[in-house]
Amino acid sequence: MTITRHEFLLRARLDHDTLEMWIAQEWIVPRGSDPEVFFTDADVARAELIRDLRGDLEVNDAGVGVILDLVDQMHGLRNVLAGLLRSMRRPPDQRT
């Protein structure tokens, strides 16, 4: 499901300038192109994580970038492993 910029700002409890900074840092990557960009529920969760890292945990911008990169790598690995497990569950003659 995609949501508009306005709805994203409300759900993520962000102001426009902060969102623009996070997009420039590539911490949040909307779909589409300006002015018609869209966000997902995963983007809202990512914004909440960034807000927690910067606020509650006082992580600096460089640290936020490193943490987000590691989170992205973990999600990528999880997807690869899930695909591998699906493939292994198929009979040998149906594996590609």
PDB file of N, CA and C in Angstrom:
ATOM      1  N   MET A   1       0.844  -1.176   0.000  1.00  0.00           N
ATOM      2  CA  MET A   1       0.000   0.000   0.000  1.00  0.00           C
ATOM      3  C   MET A   1       0.890   1.241   0.000  1.00  0.00           C
ATOM      4  N   THR A   2       0.549   2.209  -0.822  1.00  0.00           N
ATOM      5  CA  THR A   2       1.318   3.452  -0.856  1.00  0.00           C
ATOM      6  C   THR A   2       0.508   4.577  -0.231  1.00  0.00           C
ATOM      7  N   ILE A   3       1.244   5.532   0.319  1.00  0.00           N
ATOM      8  CA  ILE A   3       0.605   6.690   0.935  1.00  0.00           C
ATOM      9  C   ILE A   3       1.236   7.960   0.377  1.00  0.00           C
ATOM     10  N   THR A   4       0.504   9.039   0.451  1.00  0.00           N
ATOM     11  CA  THR A   4       0.981  10.320  -0.062  1.00  0.00           C
ATOM     12  C   THR A   4       1.992  10.945   0.897  1.00  0.00           C
ATOM     13  N   ARG A   5       2.679  11.966   0.413  1.00  0.00           N
ATOM     14  CA  ARG A   5       3.647  12.689   1.238  1.00  0.00           C
ATOM     15  C   ARG A   5       2.968  13.261   2.482  1.00  0.00           C
ATOM     16  N   HIS A   6       1.800  13.857   2.302  1.00  0.00           N
ATOM     17  CA  HIS A   6       1.095  14.462   3.434  1.00  0.00           C
ATOM     18  C   HIS A   6       0.756  13.413   4.489  1.00  0.00           C
ATOM     19  N   GLU A   7       0.210  12.277   4.047  1.00  0.00           N
ATOM     20  CA  GLU A   7      -0.139  11.220   4.992  1.00  0.00           C
ATOM     21  C   GLU A   7       1.120  10.665   5.662  1.00  0.00           C
ATOM     22  N   PHE A   8       2.199  10.536   4.895  1.00  0.00           N
ATOM     23  CA  PHE A   8       3.460  10.062   5.466  1.00  0.00           C
ATOM     24  C   PHE A   8       3.935  10.996   6.573  1.00  0.00           C
ATOM     25  N   LEU A   9       3.902  12.293   6.314  1.00  0.00           N
ATOM     26  CA  LEU A   9       4.338  13.265   7.325  1.00  0.00           C
ATOM     27  C   LEU A   9       3.510  13.148   8.601  1.00  0.00           C
ATOM     28  N   LEU A  10       2.218  12.947   8.442  1.00  0.00           N
ATOM     29  CA  LEU A  10       1.357  12.799   9.616  1.00  0.00           C
ATOM     30  C   LEU A  10       1.658  11.507  10.370  1.00  0.00           C
ATOM     31  N   ARG A  11       1.732  10.412   9.643  1.00  0.00           N
ATOM     32  CA  ARG A  11       1.953   9.121  10.298  1.00  0.00           C
ATOM     33  C   ARG A  11       3.341   9.004  10.914  1.00  0.00           C
ATOM     34  N   ALA A  12       4.337   9.588  10.245  1.00  0.00           N
ATOM     35  CA  ALA A  12       5.708   9.505  10.746  1.00  0.00           C
ATOM     36  C   ALA A  12       6.016  10.612  11.759  1.00  0.00           C
ATOM     37  N   ARG A  13       5.069  11.543  11.929  1.00  0.00           N
ATOM     38  CA  ARG A  13       5.233  12.679  12.848  1.00  0.00           C
ATOM     39  C   ARG A  13       6.501  13.471  12.527  1.00  0.00           C
ATOM     40  N   LEU A  14       6.611  13.833  11.242  1.00  0.00           N
ATOM     41  CA  LEU A  14       7.757  14.600  10.759  1.00  0.00           C
ATOM     42  C   LEU A  14       7.298  15.914  10.160  1.00  0.00           C
ATOM     43  N   ASP A  15       8.213  16.880  10.121  1.00  0.00           N
ATOM     44  CA  ASP A  15       7.935  18.101   9.379  1.00  0.00           C
ATOM     45  C   ASP A  15       8.565  17.970   7.989  1.00  0.00           C
ATOM     46  N   HIS A  16       8.136  18.840   7.090  1.00  0.00           N
ATOM     47  CA  HIS A  16       8.561  18.781   5.693  1.00  0.00           C
ATOM     48  C   HIS A  16      10.082  18.896   5.554  1.00  0.00           C
ATOM     49  N   ASP A  17      10.710  19.825   6.263  1.00  0.00           N
ATOM     50  CA  ASP A  17      12.149  20.035   6.140  1.00  0.00           C
ATOM     51  C   ASP A  17      12.948  18.811   6.587  1.00  0.00           C
ATOM     52  N   THR A  18      12.507  18.180   7.665  1.00  0.00           N
ATOM     53  CA  THR A  18      13.194  16.976   8.142  1.00  0.00           C
ATOM     54  C   THR A  18      13.092  15.871   7.106  1.00  0.00           C
ATOM     55  N   LEU A  19      11.904  15.690   6.541  1.00  0.00           N
ATOM     56  CA  LEU A  19      11.730  14.669   5.514  1.00  0.00           C
ATOM     57  C   LEU A  19      12.642  14.949   4.328  1.00  0.00           C
ATOM     58  N   GLU A  20      12.709  16.188   3.897  1.00  0.00           N
ATOM     59  CA  GLU A  20      13.558  16.531   2.751  1.00  0.00           C
ATOM     60  C   GLU A  20      15.023  16.228   3.055  1.00  0.00           C
ATOM     61  N   MET A  21      15.461  16.494   4.284  1.00  0.00           N
ATOM     62  CA  MET A  21      16.836  16.191   4.667  1.00  0.00           C
ATOM     63  C   MET A  21      17.073  14.684   4.628  1.00  0.00           C
ATOM     64  N   TRP A  22      16.124  13.910   5.148  1.00  0.00           N
ATOM     65  CA  TRP A  22      16.272  12.459   5.169  1.00  0.00           C
ATOM     66  C   TRP A  22      16.255  11.868   3.761  1.00  0.00           C
ATOM     67  N   ILE A  23      15.475  12.465   2.874  1.00  0.00           N
ATOM     68  CA  ILE A  23      15.472  12.027   1.475  1.00  0.00           C
ATOM     69  C   ILE A  23      16.821  12.356   0.833  1.00  0.00           C
ATOM     70  N   ALA A  24      17.351  13.540   1.089  1.00  0.00           N
ATOM     71  CA  ALA A  24      18.657  13.935   0.558  1.00  0.00           C
ATOM     72  C   ALA A  24      19.761  12.996   1.059  1.00  0.00           C
ATOM     73  N   GLN A  25      19.644  12.550   2.309  1.00  0.00           N
ATOM     74  CA  GLN A  25      20.618  11.619   2.896  1.00  0.00           C
ATOM     75  C   GLN A  25      20.393  10.189   2.390  1.00  0.00           C
ATOM     76  N   GLU A  26      19.275   9.978   1.679  1.00  0.00           N
ATOM     77  CA  GLU A  26      18.843   8.669   1.191  1.00  0.00           C
ATOM     78  C   GLU A  26      18.521   7.702   2.323  1.00  0.00           C
ATOM     79  N   TRP A  27      18.106   8.264   3.461  1.00  0.00           N
ATOM     80  CA  TRP A  27      17.622   7.440   4.564  1.00  0.00           C
ATOM     81  C   TRP A  27      16.198   6.973   4.273  1.00  0.00           C
ATOM     82  N   ILE A  28      15.443   7.818   3.593  1.00  0.00           N
ATOM     83  CA  ILE A  28      14.091   7.498   3.124  1.00  0.00           C
ATOM     84  C   ILE A  28      14.116   7.684   1.611  1.00  0.00           C
ATOM     85  N   VAL A  29      13.639   6.670   0.888  1.00  0.00           N
ATOM     86  CA  VAL A  29      13.651   6.732  -0.579  1.00  0.00           C
ATOM     87  C   VAL A  29      12.224   6.521  -1.071  1.00  0.00           C
ATOM     88  N   PRO A  30      11.523   7.618  -1.387  1.00  0.00           N
ATOM     89  CA  PRO A  30      10.138   7.473  -1.857  1.00  0.00           C
ATOM     90  C   PRO A  30      10.085   6.884  -3.262  1.00  0.00           C
ATOM     91  N   ARG A  31       8.919   6.373  -3.621  1.00  0.00           N
ATOM     92  CA  ARG A  31       8.690   5.869  -4.969  1.00  0.00           C
ATOM     93  C   ARG A  31       8.112   7.006  -5.798  1.00  0.00           C
ATOM     94  N   GLY A  32       8.319   6.941  -7.110  1.00  0.00           N
ATOM     95  CA  GLY A  32       7.804   7.980  -7.987  1.00  0.00           C
ATOM     96  C   GLY A  32       8.812   9.104  -8.137  1.00  0.00           C
ATOM     97  N   SER A  33       8.347  10.209  -8.707  1.00  0.00           N
ATOM     98  CA  SER A  33       9.219  11.364  -8.878  1.00  0.00           C
ATOM     99  C   SER A  33       8.456  12.623  -8.506  1.00  0.00           C
ATOM    100  N   ASP A  34       9.211  13.643  -8.069  1.00  0.00           N
ATOM    101  CA  ASP A  34       8.575  14.889  -7.636  1.00  0.00           C
ATOM    102  C   ASP A  34       7.686  15.440  -8.725  1.00  0.00           C
ATOM    103  N   PRO A  35       6.566  16.003  -8.417  1.00  0.00           N
ATOM    104  CA  PRO A  35       6.008  16.187  -7.084  1.00  0.00           C
ATOM    105  C   PRO A  35       5.154  15.013  -6.621  1.00  0.00           C
ATOM    106  N   GLU A  36       4.998  13.994  -7.470  1.00  0.00           N
ATOM    107  CA  GLU A  36       4.124  12.857  -7.147  1.00  0.00           C
ATOM    108  C   GLU A  36       4.930  11.697  -6.576  1.00  0.00           C
ATOM    109  N   VAL A  37       5.388  11.827  -5.342  1.00  0.00           N
ATOM    110  CA  VAL A  37       6.097  10.726  -4.698  1.00  0.00           C
ATOM    111  C   VAL A  37       5.162  10.025  -3.721  1.00  0.00           C
ATOM    112  N   PHE A  38       5.444   8.762  -3.502  1.00  0.00           N
ATOM    113  CA  PHE A  38       4.632   7.951  -2.616  1.00  0.00           C
ATOM    114  C   PHE A  38       5.534   7.193  -1.649  1.00  0.00           C
ATOM    115  N   PHE A  39       4.974   6.852  -0.515  1.00  0.00           N
ATOM    116  CA  PHE A  39       5.701   6.153   0.534  1.00  0.00           C
ATOM    117  C   PHE A  39       4.931   4.888   0.899  1.00  0.00           C
ATOM    118  N   THR A  40       5.595   4.004   1.640  1.00  0.00           N
ATOM    119  CA  THR A  40       4.975   2.756   2.074  1.00  0.00           C
ATOM    120  C   THR A  40       4.943   2.710   3.603  1.00  0.00           C
ATOM    121  N   ASP A  41       4.255   1.703   4.105  1.00  0.00           N
ATOM    122  CA  ASP A  41       4.249   1.481   5.557  1.00  0.00           C
ATOM    123  C   ASP A  41       5.670   1.203   6.063  1.00  0.00           C
ATOM    124  N   ALA A  42       6.471   0.539   5.231  1.00  0.00           N
ATOM    125  CA  ALA A  42       7.866   0.279   5.616  1.00  0.00           C
ATOM    126  C   ALA A  42       8.636   1.594   5.753  1.00  0.00           C
ATOM    127  N   ASP A  43       8.326   2.571   4.915  1.00  0.00           N
ATOM    128  CA  ASP A  43       8.973   3.889   5.031  1.00  0.00           C
ATOM    129  C   ASP A  43       8.596   4.564   6.345  1.00  0.00           C
ATOM    130  N   VAL A  44       7.346   4.403   6.753  1.00  0.00           N
ATOM    131  CA  VAL A  44       6.907   4.973   8.036  1.00  0.00           C
ATOM    132  C   VAL A  44       7.684   4.316   9.176  1.00  0.00           C
ATOM    133  N   ALA A  45       7.808   2.988   9.131  1.00  0.00           N
ATOM    134  CA  ALA A  45       8.561   2.276  10.172  1.00  0.00           C
ATOM    135  C   ALA A  45      10.021   2.715  10.176  1.00  0.00           C
ATOM    136  N   ARG A  46      10.586   2.922   9.005  1.00  0.00           N
ATOM    137  CA  ARG A  46      11.979   3.376   8.896  1.00  0.00           C
ATOM    138  C   ARG A  46      12.125   4.772   9.491  1.00  0.00           C
ATOM    139  N   ALA A  47      11.173   5.648   9.222  1.00  0.00           N
ATOM    140  CA  ALA A  47      11.207   7.002   9.789  1.00  0.00           C
ATOM    141  C   ALA A  47      11.131   6.943  11.311  1.00  0.00           C
ATOM    142  N   GLU A  48      10.317   6.058  11.828  1.00  0.00           N
ATOM    143  CA  GLU A  48      10.215   5.905  13.285  1.00  0.00           C
ATOM    144  C   GLU A  48      11.542   5.424  13.868  1.00  0.00           C
ATOM    145  N   LEU A  49      12.198   4.491  13.171  1.00  0.00           N
ATOM    146  CA  LEU A  49      13.508   4.011  13.607  1.00  0.00           C
ATOM    147  C   LEU A  49      14.517   5.161  13.603  1.00  0.00           C
ATOM    148  N   ILE A  50      14.537   5.938  12.534  1.00  0.00           N
ATOM    149  CA  ILE A  50      15.467   7.070  12.446  1.00  0.00           C
ATOM    150  C   ILE A  50      15.206   8.055  13.570  1.00  0.00           C
ATOM    151  N   ARG A  51      13.948   8.346  13.810  1.00  0.00           N
ATOM    152  CA  ARG A  51      13.598   9.285  14.885  1.00  0.00           C
ATOM    153  C   ARG A  51      14.080   8.759  16.239  1.00  0.00           C
ATOM    154  N   ASP A  52      13.890   7.459  16.480  1.00  0.00           N
ATOM    155  CA  ASP A  52      14.359   6.860  17.734  1.00  0.00           C
ATOM    156  C   ASP A  52      15.880   6.900  17.834  1.00  0.00           C
ATOM    157  N   LEU A  53      16.562   6.580  16.741  1.00  0.00           N
ATOM    158  CA  LEU A  53      18.028   6.593  16.765  1.00  0.00           C
ATOM    159  C   LEU A  53      18.566   7.990  17.072  1.00  0.00           C
ATOM    160  N   ARG A  54      18.012   8.994  16.395  1.00  0.00           N
ATOM    161  CA  ARG A  54      18.505  10.348  16.570  1.00  0.00           C
ATOM    162  C   ARG A  54      18.062  10.956  17.891  1.00  0.00           C
ATOM    163  N   GLY A  55      16.858  10.637  18.332  1.00  0.00           N
ATOM    164  CA  GLY A  55      16.314  11.240  19.538  1.00  0.00           C
ATOM    165  C   GLY A  55      16.693  10.486  20.793  1.00  0.00           C
ATOM    166  N   ASP A  56      16.039   9.370  21.010  1.00  0.00           N
ATOM    167  CA  ASP A  56      16.225   8.603  22.247  1.00  0.00           C
ATOM    168  C   ASP A  56      17.654   8.104  22.422  1.00  0.00           C
ATOM    169  N   LEU A  57      18.260   7.601  21.340  1.00  0.00           N
ATOM    170  CA  LEU A  57      19.585   6.996  21.444  1.00  0.00           C
ATOM    171  C   LEU A  57      20.720   7.968  21.136  1.00  0.00           C
ATOM    172  N   GLU A  58      20.378   9.153  20.643  1.00  0.00           N
ATOM    173  CA  GLU A  58      21.345  10.221  20.353  1.00  0.00           C
ATOM    174  C   GLU A  58      22.453   9.778  19.394  1.00  0.00           C
ATOM    175  N   VAL A  59      22.086   8.977  18.388  1.00  0.00           N
ATOM    176  CA  VAL A  59      23.034   8.548  17.367  1.00  0.00           C
ATOM    177  C   VAL A  59      23.238   9.714  16.398  1.00  0.00           C
ATOM    178  N   ASN A  60      24.503   9.981  16.026  1.00  0.00           N
ATOM    179  CA  ASN A  60      24.770  11.072  15.085  1.00  0.00           C
ATOM    180  C   ASN A  60      24.416  10.632  13.657  1.00  0.00           C
ATOM    181  N   ASP A  61      24.437  11.578  12.722  1.00  0.00           N
ATOM    182  CA  ASP A  61      24.014  11.291  11.352  1.00  0.00           C
ATOM    183  C   ASP A  61      24.830  10.183  10.704  1.00  0.00           C
ATOM    184  N   ALA A  62      26.142  10.183  10.910  1.00  0.00           N
ATOM    185  CA  ALA A  62      26.980   9.131  10.328  1.00  0.00           C
ATOM    186  C   ALA A  62      26.574   7.767  10.886  1.00  0.00           C
ATOM    187  N   GLY A  63      26.309   7.708  12.170  1.00  0.00           N
ATOM    188  CA  GLY A  63      25.889   6.459  12.795  1.00  0.00           C
ATOM    189  C   GLY A  63      24.542   5.988  12.278  1.00  0.00           C
ATOM    190  N   VAL A  64      23.625   6.926  12.067  1.00  0.00           N
ATOM    191  CA  VAL A  64      22.308   6.564  11.515  1.00  0.00           C
ATOM    192  C   VAL A  64      22.493   5.926  10.143  1.00  0.00           C
ATOM    193  N   GLY A  65      23.350   6.515   9.311  1.00  0.00           N
ATOM    194  CA  GLY A  65      23.604   5.958   7.983  1.00  0.00           C
ATOM    195  C   GLY A  65      24.148   4.549   8.046  1.00  0.00           C
ATOM    196  N   VAL A  66      25.089   4.309   8.948  1.00  0.00           N
ATOM    197  CA  VAL A  66      25.676   2.970   9.105  1.00  0.00           C
ATOM    198  C   VAL A  66      24.614   1.979   9.573  1.00  0.00           C
ATOM    199  N   ILE A  67      23.831   2.366  10.556  1.00  0.00           N
ATOM    200  CA  ILE A  67      22.790   1.474  11.090  1.00  0.00           C
ATOM    201  C   ILE A  67      21.759   1.140  10.016  1.00  0.00           C
ATOM    202  N   LEU A  68      21.329   2.136   9.254  1.00  0.00           N
ATOM    203  CA  LEU A  68      20.349   1.882   8.201  1.00  0.00           C
ATOM    204  C   LEU A  68      20.919   0.967   7.128  1.00  0.00           C
ATOM    205  N   ASP A  69      22.186   1.142   6.793  1.00  0.00           N
ATOM    206  CA  ASP A  69      22.828   0.271   5.816  1.00  0.00           C
ATOM    207  C   ASP A  69      22.843  -1.174   6.326  1.00  0.00           C
ATOM    208  N   LEU A  70      23.171  -1.358   7.594  1.00  0.00           N
ATOM    209  CA  LEU A  70      23.180  -2.707   8.167  1.00  0.00           C
ATOM    210  C   LEU A  70      21.781  -3.314   8.200  1.00  0.00           C
ATOM    211  N   VAL A  71      20.786  -2.508   8.538  1.00  0.00           N
ATOM    212  CA  VAL A  71      19.401  -2.998   8.534  1.00  0.00           C
ATOM    213  C   VAL A  71      19.007  -3.437   7.127  1.00  0.00           C
ATOM    214  N   ASP A  72      19.366  -2.627   6.126  1.00  0.00           N
ATOM    215  CA  ASP A  72      19.048  -2.981   4.736  1.00  0.00           C
ATOM    216  C   ASP A  72      19.736  -4.282   4.326  1.00  0.00           C
ATOM    217  N   GLN A  73      20.989  -4.455   4.743  1.00  0.00           N
ATOM    218  CA  GLN A  73      21.707  -5.690   4.430  1.00  0.00           C
ATOM    219  C   GLN A  73      21.031  -6.892   5.086  1.00  0.00           C
ATOM    220  N   MET A  74      20.601  -6.729   6.320  1.00  0.00           N
ATOM    221  CA  MET A  74      19.912  -7.835   7.008  1.00  0.00           C
ATOM    222  C   MET A  74      18.628  -8.214   6.292  1.00  0.00           C
ATOM    223  N   HIS A  75      17.859  -7.218   5.865  1.00  0.00           N
ATOM    224  CA  HIS A  75      16.612  -7.511   5.149  1.00  0.00           C
ATOM    225  C   HIS A  75      16.907  -8.210   3.830  1.00  0.00           C
ATOM    226  N   GLY A  76      17.951  -7.761   3.137  1.00  0.00           N
ATOM    227  CA  GLY A  76      18.334  -8.403   1.885  1.00  0.00           C
ATOM    228  C   GLY A  76      18.737  -9.851   2.090  1.00  0.00           C
ATOM    229  N   LEU A  77      19.539 -10.104   3.114  1.00  0.00           N
ATOM    230  CA  LEU A  77      19.951 -11.473   3.418  1.00  0.00           C
ATOM    231  C   LEU A  77      18.760 -12.345   3.802  1.00  0.00           C
ATOM    232  N   ARG A  78      17.844 -11.777   4.555  1.00  0.00           N
ATOM    233  CA  ARG A  78      16.652 -12.535   4.949  1.00  0.00           C
ATOM    234  C   ARG A  78      15.845 -12.931   3.714  1.00  0.00           C
ATOM    235  N   ASN A  79      15.725 -12.024   2.738  1.00  0.00           N
ATOM    236  CA  ASN A  79      14.996 -12.338   1.507  1.00  0.00           C
ATOM    237  C   ASN A  79      15.696 -13.431   0.707  1.00  0.00           C
ATOM    238  N   VAL A  80      17.031 -13.360   0.642  1.00  0.00           N
ATOM    239  CA  VAL A  80      17.800 -14.384  -0.072  1.00  0.00           C
ATOM    240  C   VAL A  80      17.631 -15.734   0.609  1.00  0.00           C
ATOM    241  N   LEU A  81      17.734 -15.768   1.925  1.00  0.00           N
ATOM    242  CA  LEU A  81      17.570 -17.021   2.653  1.00  0.00           C
ATOM    243  C   LEU A  81      16.168 -17.591   2.501  1.00  0.00           C
ATOM    244  N   ALA A  82      15.163 -16.725   2.520  1.00  0.00           N
ATOM    245  CA  ALA A  82      13.787 -17.199   2.334  1.00  0.00           C
ATOM    246  C   ALA A  82      13.622 -17.829   0.957  1.00  0.00           C
ATOM    247  N   GLY A  83      14.204 -17.209  -0.067  1.00  0.00           N
ATOM    248  CA  GLY A  83      14.147 -17.782  -1.410  1.00  0.00           C
ATOM    249  C   GLY A  83      14.874 -19.105  -1.502  1.00  0.00           C
ATOM    250  N   LEU A  84      16.017 -19.190  -0.838  1.00  0.00           N
ATOM    251  CA  LEU A  84      16.779 -20.438  -0.819  1.00  0.00           C
ATOM    252  C   LEU A  84      15.991 -21.548  -0.130  1.00  0.00           C
ATOM    253  N   LEU A  85      15.361 -21.226   0.986  1.00  0.00           N
ATOM    254  CA  LEU A  85      14.549 -22.226   1.692  1.00  0.00           C
ATOM    255  C   LEU A  85      13.370 -22.692   0.843  1.00  0.00           C
ATOM    256  N   ARG A  86      12.718 -21.738   0.147  1.00  0.00           N
ATOM    257  CA  ARG A  86      11.603 -22.129  -0.740  1.00  0.00           C
ATOM    258  C   ARG A  86      12.101 -23.079  -1.823  1.00  0.00           C
ATOM    259  N   SER A  87      13.253 -22.772  -2.373  1.00  0.00           N
ATOM    260  CA  SER A  87      13.823 -23.608  -3.428  1.00  0.00           C
ATOM    261  C   SER A  87      14.169 -24.996  -2.908  1.00  0.00           C
ATOM    262  N   MET A  88      14.707 -25.067  -1.700  1.00  0.00           N
ATOM    263  CA  MET A  88      15.092 -26.358  -1.127  1.00  0.00           C
ATOM    264  C   MET A  88      13.882 -27.216  -0.784  1.00  0.00           C
ATOM    265  N   ARG A  89      12.747 -26.603  -0.557  1.00  0.00           N
ATOM    266  CA  ARG A  89      11.532 -27.354  -0.223  1.00  0.00           C
ATOM    267  C   ARG A  89      10.877 -27.973  -1.457  1.00  0.00           C
ATOM    268  N   ARG A  90      11.243 -27.479  -2.639  1.00  0.00           N
ATOM    269  CA  ARG A  90      10.703 -28.049  -3.870  1.00  0.00           C
ATOM    270  C   ARG A  90      11.382 -29.387  -4.155  1.00  0.00           C
ATOM    271  N   PRO A  91      10.659 -30.264  -4.820  1.00  0.00           N
ATOM    272  CA  PRO A  91      11.296 -31.526  -5.236  1.00  0.00           C
ATOM    273  C   PRO A  91      12.497 -31.216  -6.151  1.00  0.00           C
ATOM    274  N   PRO A  92      13.549 -32.041  -6.105  1.00  0.00           N
ATOM    275  CA  PRO A  92      14.755 -31.764  -6.898  1.00  0.00           C
ATOM    276  C   PRO A  92      14.501 -31.526  -8.377  1.00  0.00           C
ATOM    277  N   ASP A  93      13.545 -32.218  -8.957  1.00  0.00           N
ATOM    278  CA  ASP A  93      13.294 -32.068 -10.395  1.00  0.00           C
ATOM    279  C   ASP A  93      12.581 -30.750 -10.732  1.00  0.00           C
ATOM    280  N   GLN A  94      12.093 -29.997  -9.726  1.00  0.00           N
ATOM    281  CA  GLN A  94      11.418 -28.719  -9.959  1.00  0.00           C
ATOM    282  C   GLN A  94      12.290 -27.522  -9.604  1.00  0.00           C
ATOM    283  N   ARG A  95      13.490 -27.768  -9.141  1.00  0.00           N
ATOM    284  CA  ARG A  95      14.399 -26.666  -8.777  1.00  0.00           C
ATOM    285  C   ARG A  95      15.034 -26.086 -10.021  1.00  0.00           C
ATOM    286  N   THR A  96      15.187 -24.766 -10.016  1.00  0.00           N
ATOM    287  CA  THR A  96      15.851 -24.112 -11.146  1.00  0.00           C
ATOM    288  C   THR A  96      17.078 -23.391 -10.705  1.00  0.00           C
TER     289      THR A  96
END
